[in-house]
Amino acid sequence: MLLAAGALCVGTVAATTATARPAEEPPAFRGPDVTLIETEERTIQEFRQNGVLVFVKITPKNGKPYYLAPRDPTKGWDDLERAEAVVPRWVILRF
Protein backbone atom coordinates (compact mmCIF):
# COMPACT_ATOMS: atom_id res chain seq x y z
CA MET A 1 0.00 0.00 0.00
CA LEU A 2 2.79 2.41 0.89
CA LEU A 3 4.68 1.57 -2.27
CA ALA A 4 1.59 2.31 -4.39
CA ALA A 5 1.11 5.71 -2.71
CA GLY A 6 4.76 6.62 -3.41
CA ALA A 7 4.43 5.63 -7.07
CA LEU A 8 1.24 7.69 -7.35
CA CYS A 9 3.01 10.72 -5.86
CA VAL A 10 5.95 10.41 -8.28
CA GLY A 11 3.56 10.07 -11.21
CA THR A 12 1.71 13.23 -10.18
CA VAL A 13 4.92 15.27 -9.90
CA ALA A 14 6.10 14.06 -13.31
CA ALA A 15 2.76 14.99 -14.88
CA THR A 16 2.78 18.53 -13.46
CA THR A 17 6.36 19.25 -14.53
CA ALA A 18 5.67 17.97 -18.04
CA THR A 19 2.75 20.38 -18.52
CA ALA A 20 4.47 23.45 -17.03
CA ARG A 21 5.37 26.05 -19.67
CA PRO A 22 8.74 27.80 -19.62
CA ALA A 23 8.76 31.41 -18.43
CA GLU A 24 8.52 34.02 -21.17
CA GLU A 25 11.68 35.91 -22.05
CA PRO A 26 11.69 39.49 -20.75
CA PRO A 27 11.92 42.16 -23.45
CA ALA A 28 15.48 43.01 -24.39
CA PHE A 29 16.84 46.12 -22.69
CA ARG A 30 18.12 48.67 -25.13
CA GLY A 31 20.71 51.11 -23.86
CA PRO A 32 21.39 54.57 -25.21
CA ASP A 33 22.49 55.13 -28.80
CA VAL A 34 25.91 56.76 -28.95
CA THR A 35 27.14 58.79 -31.93
CA LEU A 36 30.90 59.31 -32.05
CA ILE A 37 32.26 62.42 -33.81
CA GLU A 38 36.03 62.88 -33.96
CA THR A 39 37.69 66.16 -34.93
CA GLU A 40 41.29 67.35 -34.70
CA GLU A 41 40.64 69.19 -31.42
CA ARG A 42 38.16 66.89 -29.66
CA THR A 43 36.04 63.75 -29.59
CA ILE A 44 32.29 64.23 -29.20
CA GLN A 45 29.90 61.52 -28.04
CA GLU A 46 26.16 62.17 -28.37
CA PHE A 47 23.98 60.00 -26.13
CA ARG A 48 20.39 59.46 -27.28
CA GLN A 49 17.59 57.56 -25.58
CA ASN A 50 14.58 56.67 -27.75
CA GLY A 51 15.96 58.99 -30.44
CA VAL A 52 16.10 62.02 -28.10
CA LEU A 53 19.45 63.69 -27.37
CA VAL A 54 20.03 63.36 -23.61
CA PHE A 55 23.58 64.65 -23.12
CA VAL A 56 26.88 65.17 -24.93
CA LYS A 57 30.34 64.15 -23.71
CA ILE A 58 33.23 66.19 -25.09
CA THR A 59 36.81 64.98 -24.68
CA PRO A 60 39.40 67.56 -25.80
CA LYS A 61 42.70 66.20 -27.15
CA ASN A 62 44.51 68.11 -24.37
CA GLY A 63 42.28 68.31 -21.33
CA LYS A 64 39.68 66.65 -19.16
CA PRO A 65 36.38 65.45 -20.63
CA TYR A 66 33.22 67.37 -19.81
CA TYR A 67 29.52 66.89 -20.40
CA LEU A 68 26.88 69.18 -21.88
CA ALA A 69 23.29 68.77 -20.80
CA PRO A 70 20.27 71.04 -21.03
CA ARG A 71 19.63 73.08 -17.89
CA ASP A 72 16.01 71.91 -17.88
CA PRO A 73 15.82 68.28 -19.11
CA THR A 74 12.06 68.55 -19.64
CA LYS A 75 12.57 71.22 -22.34
CA GLY A 76 15.37 69.33 -24.07
CA TRP A 77 17.74 70.85 -26.62
CA ASP A 78 15.24 73.07 -28.43
CA ASP A 79 17.08 76.36 -27.98
CA LEU A 80 20.82 75.79 -28.39
CA GLU A 81 21.36 79.38 -29.56
CA ARG A 82 21.07 80.69 -26.00
CA ALA A 83 24.23 80.14 -23.95
CA GLU A 84 22.31 79.51 -20.73
CA ALA A 85 20.40 76.62 -22.29
CA VAL A 86 23.42 74.29 -22.02
CA VAL A 87 25.43 73.79 -18.85
CA PRO A 88 28.94 72.25 -18.94
CA ARG A 89 29.55 69.64 -16.22
CA TRP A 90 32.77 67.97 -15.09
CA VAL A 91 33.28 64.81 -13.07
CA ILE A 92 34.65 65.94 -9.69
CA LEU A 93 34.95 62.59 -7.94
CA ARG A 94 34.51 59.06 -9.22
CA PHE A 95 34.41 56.10 -6.83
PDB file of N, CA and C in Angstrom:
ATOM      1  N   MET A   1       0.821  -1.190   0.000  1.00  0.00           N
ATOM      2  CA  MET A   1       0.000   0.000   0.000  1.00  0.00           C
ATOM      3  C   MET A   1       0.868   1.259   0.000  1.00  0.00           C
ATOM      4  N   LEU A   2       1.893   1.263   0.822  1.00  0.00           N
ATOM      5  CA  LEU A   2       2.787   2.407   0.893  1.00  0.00           C
ATOM      6  C   LEU A   2       3.548   2.594  -0.411  1.00  0.00           C
ATOM      7  N   LEU A   3       3.951   1.520  -1.011  1.00  0.00           N
ATOM      8  CA  LEU A   3       4.676   1.573  -2.273  1.00  0.00           C
ATOM      9  C   LEU A   3       3.790   2.146  -3.378  1.00  0.00           C
ATOM     10  N   ALA A   4       2.528   1.806  -3.387  1.00  0.00           N
ATOM     11  CA  ALA A   4       1.593   2.310  -4.392  1.00  0.00           C
ATOM     12  C   ALA A   4       1.372   3.804  -4.212  1.00  0.00           C
ATOM     13  N   ALA A   5       1.303   4.280  -2.969  1.00  0.00           N
ATOM     14  CA  ALA A   5       1.115   5.707  -2.714  1.00  0.00           C
ATOM     15  C   ALA A   5       2.336   6.494  -3.178  1.00  0.00           C
ATOM     16  N   GLY A   6       3.536   5.949  -2.962  1.00  0.00           N
ATOM     17  CA  GLY A   6       4.757   6.616  -3.409  1.00  0.00           C
ATOM     18  C   GLY A   6       4.828   6.698  -4.921  1.00  0.00           C
ATOM     19  N   ALA A   7       4.432   5.633  -5.605  1.00  0.00           N
ATOM     20  CA  ALA A   7       4.434   5.626  -7.068  1.00  0.00           C
ATOM     21  C   ALA A   7       3.420   6.623  -7.604  1.00  0.00           C
ATOM     22  N   LEU A   8       2.264   6.737  -6.939  1.00  0.00           N
ATOM     23  CA  LEU A   8       1.242   7.691  -7.349  1.00  0.00           C
ATOM     24  C   LEU A   8       1.753   9.116  -7.197  1.00  0.00           C
ATOM     25  N   CYS A   9       2.463   9.378  -6.117  1.00  0.00           N
ATOM     26  CA  CYS A   9       3.008  10.717  -5.864  1.00  0.00           C
ATOM     27  C   CYS A   9       4.048  11.085  -6.920  1.00  0.00           C
ATOM     28  N   VAL A  10       4.935  10.158  -7.255  1.00  0.00           N
ATOM     29  CA  VAL A  10       5.955  10.410  -8.276  1.00  0.00           C
ATOM     30  C   VAL A  10       5.302  10.645  -9.624  1.00  0.00           C
ATOM     31  N   GLY A  11       4.267   9.900  -9.947  1.00  0.00           N
ATOM     32  CA  GLY A  11       3.563  10.074 -11.214  1.00  0.00           C
ATOM     33  C   GLY A  11       2.896  11.431 -11.305  1.00  0.00           C
ATOM     34  N   THR A  12       2.348  11.923 -10.200  1.00  0.00           N
ATOM     35  CA  THR A  12       1.707  13.230 -10.176  1.00  0.00           C
ATOM     36  C   THR A  12       2.725  14.344 -10.390  1.00  0.00           C
ATOM     37  N   VAL A  13       3.879  14.253  -9.742  1.00  0.00           N
ATOM     38  CA  VAL A  13       4.924  15.268  -9.897  1.00  0.00           C
ATOM     39  C   VAL A  13       5.422  15.289 -11.332  1.00  0.00           C
ATOM     40  N   ALA A  14       5.624  14.127 -11.935  1.00  0.00           N
ATOM     41  CA  ALA A  14       6.101  14.056 -13.311  1.00  0.00           C
ATOM     42  C   ALA A  14       5.085  14.665 -14.266  1.00  0.00           C
ATOM     43  N   ALA A  15       3.795  14.458 -14.000  1.00  0.00           N
ATOM     44  CA  ALA A  15       2.760  14.994 -14.875  1.00  0.00           C
ATOM     45  C   ALA A  15       2.695  16.514 -14.787  1.00  0.00           C
ATOM     46  N   THR A  16       2.861  17.074 -13.586  1.00  0.00           N
ATOM     47  CA  THR A  16       2.783  18.528 -13.459  1.00  0.00           C
ATOM     48  C   THR A  16       4.006  19.208 -14.055  1.00  0.00           C
ATOM     49  N   THR A  17       5.176  18.617 -13.949  1.00  0.00           N
ATOM     50  CA  THR A  17       6.355  19.248 -14.529  1.00  0.00           C
ATOM     51  C   THR A  17       6.351  19.139 -16.043  1.00  0.00           C
ATOM     52  N   ALA A  18       5.710  18.125 -16.590  1.00  0.00           N
ATOM     53  CA  ALA A  18       5.667  17.973 -18.039  1.00  0.00           C
ATOM     54  C   ALA A  18       4.744  19.004 -18.667  1.00  0.00           C
ATOM     55  N   THR A  19       3.695  19.433 -17.959  1.00  0.00           N
ATOM     56  CA  THR A  19       2.749  20.383 -18.523  1.00  0.00           C
ATOM     57  C   THR A  19       3.118  21.835 -18.230  1.00  0.00           C
ATOM     58  N   ALA A  20       4.088  22.069 -17.356  1.00  0.00           N
ATOM     59  CA  ALA A  20       4.466  23.448 -17.034  1.00  0.00           C
ATOM     60  C   ALA A  20       5.159  24.085 -18.234  1.00  0.00           C
ATOM     61  N   ARG A  21       4.769  25.336 -18.547  1.00  0.00           N
ATOM     62  CA  ARG A  21       5.374  26.050 -19.668  1.00  0.00           C
ATOM     63  C   ARG A  21       6.584  26.842 -19.189  1.00  0.00           C
ATOM     64  N   PRO A  22       7.585  26.997 -20.026  1.00  0.00           N
ATOM     65  CA  PRO A  22       8.743  27.804 -19.622  1.00  0.00           C
ATOM     66  C   PRO A  22       8.345  29.275 -19.494  1.00  0.00           C
ATOM     67  N   ALA A  23       9.044  29.982 -18.629  1.00  0.00           N
ATOM     68  CA  ALA A  23       8.762  31.407 -18.430  1.00  0.00           C
ATOM     69  C   ALA A  23       9.077  32.174 -19.710  1.00  0.00           C
ATOM     70  N   GLU A  24       8.284  33.208 -19.976  1.00  0.00           N
ATOM     71  CA  GLU A  24       8.515  34.019 -21.170  1.00  0.00           C
ATOM     72  C   GLU A  24       9.769  34.859 -20.985  1.00  0.00           C
ATOM     73  N   GLU A  25      10.472  35.081 -22.080  1.00  0.00           N
ATOM     74  CA  GLU A  25      11.677  35.907 -22.049  1.00  0.00           C
ATOM     75  C   GLU A  25      11.278  37.363 -21.807  1.00  0.00           C
ATOM     76  N   PRO A  26      11.982  38.070 -20.917  1.00  0.00           N
ATOM     77  CA  PRO A  26      11.689  39.494 -20.745  1.00  0.00           C
ATOM     78  C   PRO A  26      12.127  40.252 -21.989  1.00  0.00           C
ATOM     79  N   PRO A  27      11.508  41.398 -22.266  1.00  0.00           N
ATOM     80  CA  PRO A  27      11.916  42.162 -23.447  1.00  0.00           C
ATOM     81  C   PRO A  27      13.372  42.605 -23.310  1.00  0.00           C
ATOM     82  N   ALA A  28      14.058  42.640 -24.407  1.00  0.00           N
ATOM     83  CA  ALA A  28      15.479  43.011 -24.392  1.00  0.00           C
ATOM     84  C   ALA A  28      15.628  44.476 -24.003  1.00  0.00           C
ATOM     85  N   PHE A  29      16.570  44.749 -23.103  1.00  0.00           N
ATOM     86  CA  PHE A  29      16.840  46.124 -22.686  1.00  0.00           C
ATOM     87  C   PHE A  29      17.708  46.782 -23.738  1.00  0.00           C
ATOM     88  N   ARG A  30      17.336  47.948 -24.139  1.00  0.00           N
ATOM     89  CA  ARG A  30      18.118  48.670 -25.126  1.00  0.00           C
ATOM     90  C   ARG A  30      18.708  49.896 -24.460  1.00  0.00           C
ATOM     91  N   GLY A  31      20.003  49.981 -24.466  1.00  0.00           N
ATOM     92  CA  GLY A  31      20.708  51.106 -23.864  1.00  0.00           C
ATOM     93  C   GLY A  31      20.680  52.316 -24.780  1.00  0.00           C
ATOM     94  N   PRO A  32      21.381  53.363 -24.398  1.00  0.00           N
ATOM     95  CA  PRO A  32      21.392  54.575 -25.211  1.00  0.00           C
ATOM     96  C   PRO A  32      22.157  54.367 -26.519  1.00  0.00           C
ATOM     97  N   ASP A  33      21.751  55.107 -27.541  1.00  0.00           N
ATOM     98  CA  ASP A  33      22.488  55.130 -28.802  1.00  0.00           C
ATOM     99  C   ASP A  33      23.582  56.181 -28.669  1.00  0.00           C
ATOM    100  N   VAL A  34      24.786  55.850 -29.077  1.00  0.00           N
ATOM    101  CA  VAL A  34      25.915  56.764 -28.951  1.00  0.00           C
ATOM    102  C   VAL A  34      26.459  57.055 -30.341  1.00  0.00           C
ATOM    103  N   THR A  35      26.541  58.358 -30.678  1.00  0.00           N
ATOM    104  CA  THR A  35      27.135  58.791 -31.934  1.00  0.00           C
ATOM    105  C   THR A  35      28.497  59.372 -31.628  1.00  0.00           C
ATOM    106  N   LEU A  36      29.524  58.880 -32.292  1.00  0.00           N
ATOM    107  CA  LEU A  36      30.900  59.309 -32.052  1.00  0.00           C
ATOM    108  C   LEU A  36      31.338  60.223 -33.188  1.00  0.00           C
ATOM    109  N   ILE A  37      31.784  61.440 -32.834  1.00  0.00           N
ATOM    110  CA  ILE A  37      32.261  62.417 -33.808  1.00  0.00           C
ATOM    111  C   ILE A  37      33.679  62.804 -33.404  1.00  0.00           C
ATOM    112  N   GLU A  38      34.640  62.545 -34.271  1.00  0.00           N
ATOM    113  CA  GLU A  38      36.032  62.881 -33.957  1.00  0.00           C
ATOM    114  C   GLU A  38      36.491  64.026 -34.843  1.00  0.00           C
ATOM    115  N   THR A  39      37.087  65.043 -34.214  1.00  0.00           N
ATOM    116  CA  THR A  39      37.693  66.159 -34.932  1.00  0.00           C
ATOM    117  C   THR A  39      39.156  66.240 -34.513  1.00  0.00           C
ATOM    118  N   GLU A  40      39.886  67.199 -35.067  1.00  0.00           N
ATOM    119  CA  GLU A  40      41.293  67.355 -34.703  1.00  0.00           C
ATOM    120  C   GLU A  40      41.455  67.812 -33.256  1.00  0.00           C
ATOM    121  N   GLU A  41      40.522  68.617 -32.765  1.00  0.00           N
ATOM    122  CA  GLU A  41      40.640  69.187 -31.424  1.00  0.00           C
ATOM    123  C   GLU A  41      39.972  68.361 -30.335  1.00  0.00           C
ATOM    124  N   ARG A  42      38.953  67.568 -30.697  1.00  0.00           N
ATOM    125  CA  ARG A  42      38.164  66.887 -29.657  1.00  0.00           C
ATOM    126  C   ARG A  42      37.415  65.686 -30.214  1.00  0.00           C
ATOM    127  N   THR A  43      36.928  64.866 -29.276  1.00  0.00           N
ATOM    128  CA  THR A  43      36.037  63.749 -29.594  1.00  0.00           C
ATOM    129  C   THR A  43      34.694  64.036 -28.933  1.00  0.00           C
ATOM    130  N   ILE A  44      33.629  63.930 -29.701  1.00  0.00           N
ATOM    131  CA  ILE A  44      32.288  64.233 -29.201  1.00  0.00           C
ATOM    132  C   ILE A  44      31.465  62.951 -29.238  1.00  0.00           C
ATOM    133  N   GLN A  45      30.801  62.664 -28.122  1.00  0.00           N
ATOM    134  CA  GLN A  45      29.896  61.521 -28.044  1.00  0.00           C
ATOM    135  C   GLN A  45      28.505  62.047 -27.723  1.00  0.00           C
ATOM    136  N   GLU A  46      27.548  61.775 -28.602  1.00  0.00           N
ATOM    137  CA  GLU A  46      26.158  62.174 -28.374  1.00  0.00           C
ATOM    138  C   GLU A  46      25.387  60.958 -27.873  1.00  0.00           C
ATOM    139  N   PHE A  47      24.751  61.088 -26.730  1.00  0.00           N
ATOM    140  CA  PHE A  47      23.979  59.998 -26.133  1.00  0.00           C
ATOM    141  C   PHE A  47      22.498  60.270 -26.347  1.00  0.00           C
ATOM    142  N   ARG A  48      21.828  59.332 -27.001  1.00  0.00           N
ATOM    143  CA  ARG A  48      20.394  59.461 -27.282  1.00  0.00           C
ATOM    144  C   ARG A  48      19.643  58.292 -26.660  1.00  0.00           C
ATOM    145  N   GLN A  49      18.479  58.584 -26.119  1.00  0.00           N
ATOM    146  CA  GLN A  49      17.585  57.559 -25.582  1.00  0.00           C
ATOM    147  C   GLN A  49      16.260  57.698 -26.302  1.00  0.00           C
ATOM    148  N   ASN A  50      15.813  56.648 -26.955  1.00  0.00           N
ATOM    149  CA  ASN A  50      14.583  56.666 -27.754  1.00  0.00           C
ATOM    150  C   ASN A  50      14.626  57.758 -28.815  1.00  0.00           C
ATOM    151  N   GLY A  51      15.806  58.005 -29.390  1.00  0.00           N
ATOM    152  CA  GLY A  51      15.960  58.995 -30.443  1.00  0.00           C
ATOM    153  C   GLY A  51      16.084  60.424 -29.965  1.00  0.00           C
ATOM    154  N   VAL A  52      16.030  60.669 -28.657  1.00  0.00           N
ATOM    155  CA  VAL A  52      16.101  62.021 -28.103  1.00  0.00           C
ATOM    156  C   VAL A  52      17.490  62.241 -27.516  1.00  0.00           C
ATOM    157  N   LEU A  53      18.137  63.354 -27.895  1.00  0.00           N
ATOM    158  CA  LEU A  53      19.454  63.687 -27.372  1.00  0.00           C
ATOM    159  C   LEU A  53      19.347  63.988 -25.883  1.00  0.00           C
ATOM    160  N   VAL A  54      20.100  63.226 -25.061  1.00  0.00           N
ATOM    161  CA  VAL A  54      20.030  63.363 -23.612  1.00  0.00           C
ATOM    162  C   VAL A  54      21.191  64.205 -23.096  1.00  0.00           C
ATOM    163  N   PHE A  55      22.419  63.850 -23.484  1.00  0.00           N
ATOM    164  CA  PHE A  55      23.578  64.652 -23.120  1.00  0.00           C
ATOM    165  C   PHE A  55      24.700  64.391 -24.098  1.00  0.00           C
ATOM    166  N   VAL A  56      25.732  65.254 -24.037  1.00  0.00           N
ATOM    167  CA  VAL A  56      26.876  65.172 -24.928  1.00  0.00           C
ATOM    168  C   VAL A  56      28.130  65.135 -24.076  1.00  0.00           C
ATOM    169  N   LYS A  57      29.043  64.212 -24.392  1.00  0.00           N
ATOM    170  CA  LYS A  57      30.337  64.149 -23.707  1.00  0.00           C
ATOM    171  C   LYS A  57      31.393  64.640 -24.685  1.00  0.00           C
ATOM    172  N   ILE A  58      32.182  65.629 -24.254  1.00  0.00           N
ATOM    173  CA  ILE A  58      33.234  66.190 -25.089  1.00  0.00           C
ATOM    174  C   ILE A  58      34.570  65.912 -24.425  1.00  0.00           C
ATOM    175  N   THR A  59      35.471  65.286 -25.176  1.00  0.00           N
ATOM    176  CA  THR A  59      36.807  64.978 -24.677  1.00  0.00           C
ATOM    177  C   THR A  59      37.814  65.723 -25.538  1.00  0.00           C
ATOM    178  N   PRO A  60      38.375  66.840 -25.024  1.00  0.00           N
ATOM    179  CA  PRO A  60      39.399  67.555 -25.796  1.00  0.00           C
ATOM    180  C   PRO A  60      40.660  66.705 -25.925  1.00  0.00           C
ATOM    181  N   LYS A  61      41.450  66.943 -26.981  1.00  0.00           N
ATOM    182  CA  LYS A  61      42.702  66.203 -27.152  1.00  0.00           C
ATOM    183  C   LYS A  61      43.652  66.490 -25.994  1.00  0.00           C
ATOM    184  N   ASN A  62      43.671  67.726 -25.511  1.00  0.00           N
ATOM    185  CA  ASN A  62      44.509  68.113 -24.368  1.00  0.00           C
ATOM    186  C   ASN A  62      43.608  68.671 -23.281  1.00  0.00           C
ATOM    187  N   GLY A  63      43.131  67.834 -22.404  1.00  0.00           N
ATOM    188  CA  GLY A  63      42.276  68.308 -21.328  1.00  0.00           C
ATOM    189  C   GLY A  63      41.363  67.216 -20.812  1.00  0.00           C
ATOM    190  N   LYS A  64      40.618  67.575 -19.795  1.00  0.00           N
ATOM    191  CA  LYS A  64      39.681  66.646 -19.160  1.00  0.00           C
ATOM    192  C   LYS A  64      38.356  66.645 -19.917  1.00  0.00           C
ATOM    193  N   PRO A  65      37.693  65.493 -19.981  1.00  0.00           N
ATOM    194  CA  PRO A  65      36.380  65.454 -20.627  1.00  0.00           C
ATOM    195  C   PRO A  65      35.332  66.194 -19.800  1.00  0.00           C
ATOM    196  N   TYR A  66      34.341  66.733 -20.484  1.00  0.00           N
ATOM    197  CA  TYR A  66      33.217  67.373 -19.808  1.00  0.00           C
ATOM    198  C   TYR A  66      31.938  67.021 -20.549  1.00  0.00           C
ATOM    199  N   TYR A  67      30.822  67.266 -19.878  1.00  0.00           N
ATOM    200  CA  TYR A  67      29.516  66.891 -20.403  1.00  0.00           C
ATOM    201  C   TYR A  67      28.680  68.139 -20.623  1.00  0.00           C
ATOM    202  N   LEU A  68      27.861  68.129 -21.653  1.00  0.00           N
ATOM    203  CA  LEU A  68      26.881  69.182 -21.881  1.00  0.00           C
ATOM    204  C   LEU A  68      25.498  68.560 -21.753  1.00  0.00           C
ATOM    205  N   ALA A  69      24.668  69.238 -20.989  1.00  0.00           N
ATOM    206  CA  ALA A  69      23.294  68.774 -20.801  1.00  0.00           C
ATOM    207  C   ALA A  69      22.398  69.999 -20.713  1.00  0.00           C
ATOM    208  N   PRO A  70      21.162  69.890 -21.150  1.00  0.00           N
ATOM    209  CA  PRO A  70      20.267  71.044 -21.026  1.00  0.00           C
ATOM    210  C   PRO A  70      20.006  71.366 -19.561  1.00  0.00           C
ATOM    211  N   ARG A  71      19.891  72.657 -19.268  1.00  0.00           N
ATOM    212  CA  ARG A  71      19.625  73.081 -17.887  1.00  0.00           C
ATOM    213  C   ARG A  71      18.318  72.482 -17.388  1.00  0.00           C
ATOM    214  N   ASP A  72      17.307  72.488 -18.227  1.00  0.00           N
ATOM    215  CA  ASP A  72      16.011  71.906 -17.877  1.00  0.00           C
ATOM    216  C   ASP A  72      15.774  70.689 -18.776  1.00  0.00           C
ATOM    217  N   PRO A  73      15.958  69.469 -18.258  1.00  0.00           N
ATOM    218  CA  PRO A  73      15.823  68.283 -19.110  1.00  0.00           C
ATOM    219  C   PRO A  73      14.434  68.094 -19.703  1.00  0.00           C
ATOM    220  N   THR A  74      13.407  68.704 -19.101  1.00  0.00           N
ATOM    221  CA  THR A  74      12.058  68.547 -19.645  1.00  0.00           C
ATOM    222  C   THR A  74      11.888  69.336 -20.939  1.00  0.00           C
ATOM    223  N   LYS A  75      12.661  70.416 -21.112  1.00  0.00           N
ATOM    224  CA  LYS A  75      12.568  71.219 -22.336  1.00  0.00           C
ATOM    225  C   LYS A  75      13.464  70.679 -23.439  1.00  0.00           C
ATOM    226  N   GLY A  76      14.495  69.921 -23.065  1.00  0.00           N
ATOM    227  CA  GLY A  76      15.374  69.330 -24.069  1.00  0.00           C
ATOM    228  C   GLY A  76      16.334  70.334 -24.677  1.00  0.00           C
ATOM    229  N   TRP A  77      16.721  70.073 -25.920  1.00  0.00           N
ATOM    230  CA  TRP A  77      17.745  70.848 -26.618  1.00  0.00           C
ATOM    231  C   TRP A  77      17.128  71.792 -27.638  1.00  0.00           C
ATOM    232  N   ASP A  78      15.928  72.258 -27.429  1.00  0.00           N
ATOM    233  CA  ASP A  78      15.237  73.067 -28.431  1.00  0.00           C
ATOM    234  C   ASP A  78      15.961  74.364 -28.756  1.00  0.00           C
ATOM    235  N   ASP A  79      16.506  75.037 -27.762  1.00  0.00           N
ATOM    236  CA  ASP A  79      17.081  76.362 -27.979  1.00  0.00           C
ATOM    237  C   ASP A  79      18.581  76.346 -27.677  1.00  0.00           C
ATOM    238  N   LEU A  80      19.376  75.834 -28.601  1.00  0.00           N
ATOM    239  CA  LEU A  80      20.822  75.790 -28.391  1.00  0.00           C
ATOM    240  C   LEU A  80      21.497  77.127 -28.680  1.00  0.00           C
ATOM    241  N   GLU A  81      20.776  78.073 -29.250  1.00  0.00           N
ATOM    242  CA  GLU A  81      21.364  79.378 -29.555  1.00  0.00           C
ATOM    243  C   GLU A  81      21.646  80.176 -28.285  1.00  0.00           C
ATOM    244  N   ARG A  82      20.863  79.957 -27.260  1.00  0.00           N
ATOM    245  CA  ARG A  82      21.071  80.686 -26.003  1.00  0.00           C
ATOM    246  C   ARG A  82      22.138  79.983 -25.190  1.00  0.00           C
ATOM    247  N   ALA A  83      23.106  80.732 -24.693  1.00  0.00           N
ATOM    248  CA  ALA A  83      24.231  80.143 -23.951  1.00  0.00           C
ATOM    249  C   ALA A  83      23.775  79.509 -22.640  1.00  0.00           C
ATOM    250  N   GLU A  84      22.741  80.054 -22.015  1.00  0.00           N
ATOM    251  CA  GLU A  84      22.314  79.511 -20.727  1.00  0.00           C
ATOM    252  C   GLU A  84      21.499  78.228 -20.873  1.00  0.00           C
ATOM    253  N   ALA A  85      21.192  77.837 -22.095  1.00  0.00           N
ATOM    254  CA  ALA A  85      20.403  76.622 -22.295  1.00  0.00           C
ATOM    255  C   ALA A  85      21.224  75.358 -22.051  1.00  0.00           C
ATOM    256  N   VAL A  86      22.554  75.455 -22.174  1.00  0.00           N
ATOM    257  CA  VAL A  86      23.417  74.292 -22.021  1.00  0.00           C
ATOM    258  C   VAL A  86      24.419  74.572 -20.912  1.00  0.00           C
ATOM    259  N   VAL A  87      24.549  73.627 -20.000  1.00  0.00           N
ATOM    260  CA  VAL A  87      25.432  73.793 -18.848  1.00  0.00           C
ATOM    261  C   VAL A  87      26.567  72.778 -18.939  1.00  0.00           C
ATOM    262  N   PRO A  88      27.843  73.231 -18.965  1.00  0.00           N
ATOM    263  CA  PRO A  88      28.936  72.250 -18.936  1.00  0.00           C
ATOM    264  C   PRO A  88      29.065  71.638 -17.547  1.00  0.00           C
ATOM    265  N   ARG A  89      29.396  70.342 -17.500  1.00  0.00           N
ATOM    266  CA  ARG A  89      29.547  69.636 -16.222  1.00  0.00           C
ATOM    267  C   ARG A  89      30.798  68.776 -16.282  1.00  0.00           C
ATOM    268  N   TRP A  90      31.570  68.786 -15.192  1.00  0.00           N
ATOM    269  CA  TRP A  90      32.771  67.973 -15.093  1.00  0.00           C
ATOM    270  C   TRP A  90      32.585  66.935 -14.004  1.00  0.00           C
ATOM    271  N   VAL A  91      33.285  65.831 -14.117  1.00  0.00           N
ATOM    272  CA  VAL A  91      33.279  64.815 -13.071  1.00  0.00           C
ATOM    273  C   VAL A  91      34.269  65.260 -12.009  1.00  0.00           C
ATOM    274  N   ILE A  92      33.800  65.493 -10.788  1.00  0.00           N
ATOM    275  CA  ILE A  92      34.647  65.941  -9.689  1.00  0.00           C
ATOM    276  C   ILE A  92      35.278  64.748  -8.984  1.00  0.00           C
ATOM    277  N   LEU A  93      34.475  63.751  -8.683  1.00  0.00           N
ATOM    278  CA  LEU A  93      34.946  62.591  -7.937  1.00  0.00           C
ATOM    279  C   LEU A  93      34.275  61.347  -8.488  1.00  0.00           C
ATOM    280  N   ARG A  94      35.055  60.322  -8.739  1.00  0.00           N
ATOM    281  CA  ARG A  94      34.506  59.059  -9.219  1.00  0.00           C
ATOM    282  C   ARG A  94      34.972  57.970  -8.273  1.00  0.00           C
ATOM    283  N   PHE A  95      34.032  57.175  -7.743  1.00  0.00           N
ATOM    284  CA  PHE A  95      34.406  56.099  -6.826  1.00  0.00           C
ATOM    285  C   PHE A  95      33.691  54.832  -7.171  1.00  0.00           C
TER     286      PHE A  95
END
